[in-house]
Protein backbone atom coordinates (compact mmCIF):
# COMPACT_ATOMS: atom_id res chain seq x y z
CA MET A 1 -269.98 -72.19 92.68
CA LEU A 2 -269.78 -68.66 93.22
CA THR A 3 -269.68 -65.88 90.61
CA CYS A 4 -267.59 -62.77 91.50
CA ILE A 5 -268.66 -59.50 89.69
CA ILE A 6 -266.16 -56.66 90.08
CA ARG A 7 -267.62 -53.23 89.29
CA TYR A 8 -265.16 -50.71 88.35
CA GLU A 9 -265.59 -46.98 88.21
CA ILE A 10 -262.79 -45.89 85.74
CA GLU A 11 -261.50 -42.59 84.61
CA PRO A 12 -262.97 -41.87 81.18
CA THR A 13 -259.89 -40.51 79.74
CA LYS A 14 -257.96 -43.63 80.71
CA LYS A 15 -260.08 -46.40 79.07
CA ASN A 16 -257.10 -47.65 77.16
CA ASP A 17 -255.19 -48.20 80.59
CA PHE A 18 -258.27 -50.17 81.77
CA ILE A 19 -258.38 -52.30 78.62
CA GLN A 20 -254.63 -53.22 79.16
CA TYR A 21 -255.21 -53.94 82.83
CA ALA A 22 -258.12 -56.24 81.83
CA ARG A 23 -256.07 -58.09 79.23
CA ASN A 24 -253.33 -58.60 81.86
CA TRP A 25 -256.00 -60.16 84.21
CA GLY A 26 -257.27 -62.34 81.21
CA GLN A 27 -253.81 -64.17 81.53
CA ALA A 28 -253.24 -64.02 85.30
CA ILE A 29 -256.82 -64.85 86.65
CA PRO A 30 -257.05 -68.33 84.92
CA ARG A 31 -253.46 -69.26 85.68
CA CYS A 32 -254.25 -68.56 89.47
CA GLY A 33 -257.23 -70.67 89.63
CA ALA A 34 -260.49 -68.71 88.87
CA ASP A 35 -262.59 -69.34 85.70
CA LEU A 36 -262.80 -65.97 84.00
CA ILE A 37 -265.86 -65.10 82.18
CA GLY A 38 -264.42 -61.81 80.95
CA TYR A 39 -263.74 -58.15 81.45
CA PHE A 40 -266.05 -55.66 80.02
CA ALA A 41 -265.14 -51.98 79.26
CA PRO A 42 -267.49 -49.06 78.42
CA HIS A 43 -268.92 -48.94 74.92
CA GLU A 44 -272.28 -46.97 74.84
CA GLY A 45 -273.87 -45.22 77.53
CA SER A 46 -271.76 -44.64 80.76
CA SER A 47 -267.93 -43.97 80.10
CA THR A 48 -267.11 -44.79 83.62
CA LEU A 49 -268.49 -48.37 84.43
CA ALA A 50 -266.57 -51.40 83.56
CA TYR A 51 -266.96 -55.04 84.92
CA GLY A 52 -264.79 -58.10 85.61
CA ILE A 53 -266.65 -61.38 85.97
CA TYR A 54 -265.26 -64.87 87.24
CA THR A 55 -266.39 -67.97 88.89
CA ILE A 56 -264.63 -69.76 91.94
CA PRO A 57 -265.87 -72.70 93.71
CA SER A 58 -266.16 -71.24 97.18
CA LEU A 59 -265.00 -68.40 99.50
CA GLY A 60 -262.12 -70.59 100.86
CA GLU A 61 -260.96 -71.27 97.21
CA TYR A 62 -261.18 -67.53 96.61
CA GLU A 63 -258.77 -66.78 99.54
CA ALA A 64 -256.20 -69.13 98.08
CA TYR A 65 -256.85 -67.87 94.67
CA ARG A 66 -256.13 -64.20 95.97
CA ALA A 67 -252.89 -65.38 97.61
CA ARG A 68 -251.87 -67.06 94.29
CA LEU A 69 -252.75 -63.70 92.29
CA ALA A 70 -250.76 -61.76 94.71
CA ALA A 71 -247.69 -63.77 94.24
CA ASP A 72 -248.02 -64.11 90.48
CA PRO A 73 -245.51 -61.81 88.71
CA LEU A 74 -248.02 -60.48 86.08
CA GLY A 75 -250.61 -60.14 89.05
CA ARG A 76 -248.15 -57.85 91.07
CA GLU A 77 -247.36 -56.07 87.90
CA ASN A 78 -251.00 -55.38 87.21
CA TYR A 79 -251.68 -54.18 90.83
CA GLU A 80 -248.77 -51.77 90.52
CA PHE A 81 -249.86 -50.54 87.08
CA ALA A 82 -253.26 -49.59 88.36
CA GLN A 83 -251.69 -47.84 91.42
CA ARG A 84 -249.14 -45.95 89.24
CA GLU A 85 -251.64 -44.92 86.49
CA ARG A 86 -254.64 -44.32 88.70
CA PHE A 87 -257.25 -45.21 86.18
CA LEU A 88 -259.50 -46.97 88.73
CA ARG A 89 -261.58 -44.58 90.74
CA ARG A 90 -263.52 -47.41 92.78
CA GLU A 91 -263.66 -51.15 92.65
CA ASP A 92 -266.40 -53.15 94.32
CA ARG A 93 -266.92 -57.00 94.51
CA THR A 94 -269.96 -58.86 94.83
CA PHE A 95 -270.33 -62.69 95.21
CA LEU A 96 -273.42 -64.33 93.72
CA LYS A 97 -274.58 -67.90 93.67
CA LEU A 98 -276.80 -69.10 90.68
CA VAL A 99 -280.24 -69.96 91.76
CA SER A 100 -281.79 -70.58 88.31
CA LEU A 101 -280.93 -72.72 85.29
CA PRO A 102 -278.08 -71.29 83.27
CA HIS A 103 -279.03 -69.67 79.99
CA GLY A 104 -279.92 -72.28 77.32
CA ALA A 105 -280.32 -74.98 79.91
CA ALA A 106 -282.98 -77.57 79.51
CA ASP A 107 -285.28 -77.89 82.52
CA PRO A 108 -284.84 -81.57 83.65
CA ALA A 109 -288.58 -81.71 84.68
């Protein structure tokens, strides 16, 4: 299982646009095959950093998921919304693999 962490740099005056964008992904991402952990908008500290986090079984599954997301009506609409409103300055994806026990899991030893 891979965890995709998307780090966004957003326009601080357009935080509400990012929140709408995140809520739209909250519907489209699970429908297209990824397990959405959540989207996180600035609250304290930086007013420009935001994150989206989801899990996917493999990079092969990621490619299929991305194709479904691009074909999804809300997915397409959300891409267009971000392009039109220009609230995203930067978007970086990192894929991580869990190598420890998850939080709260008992050690089997």
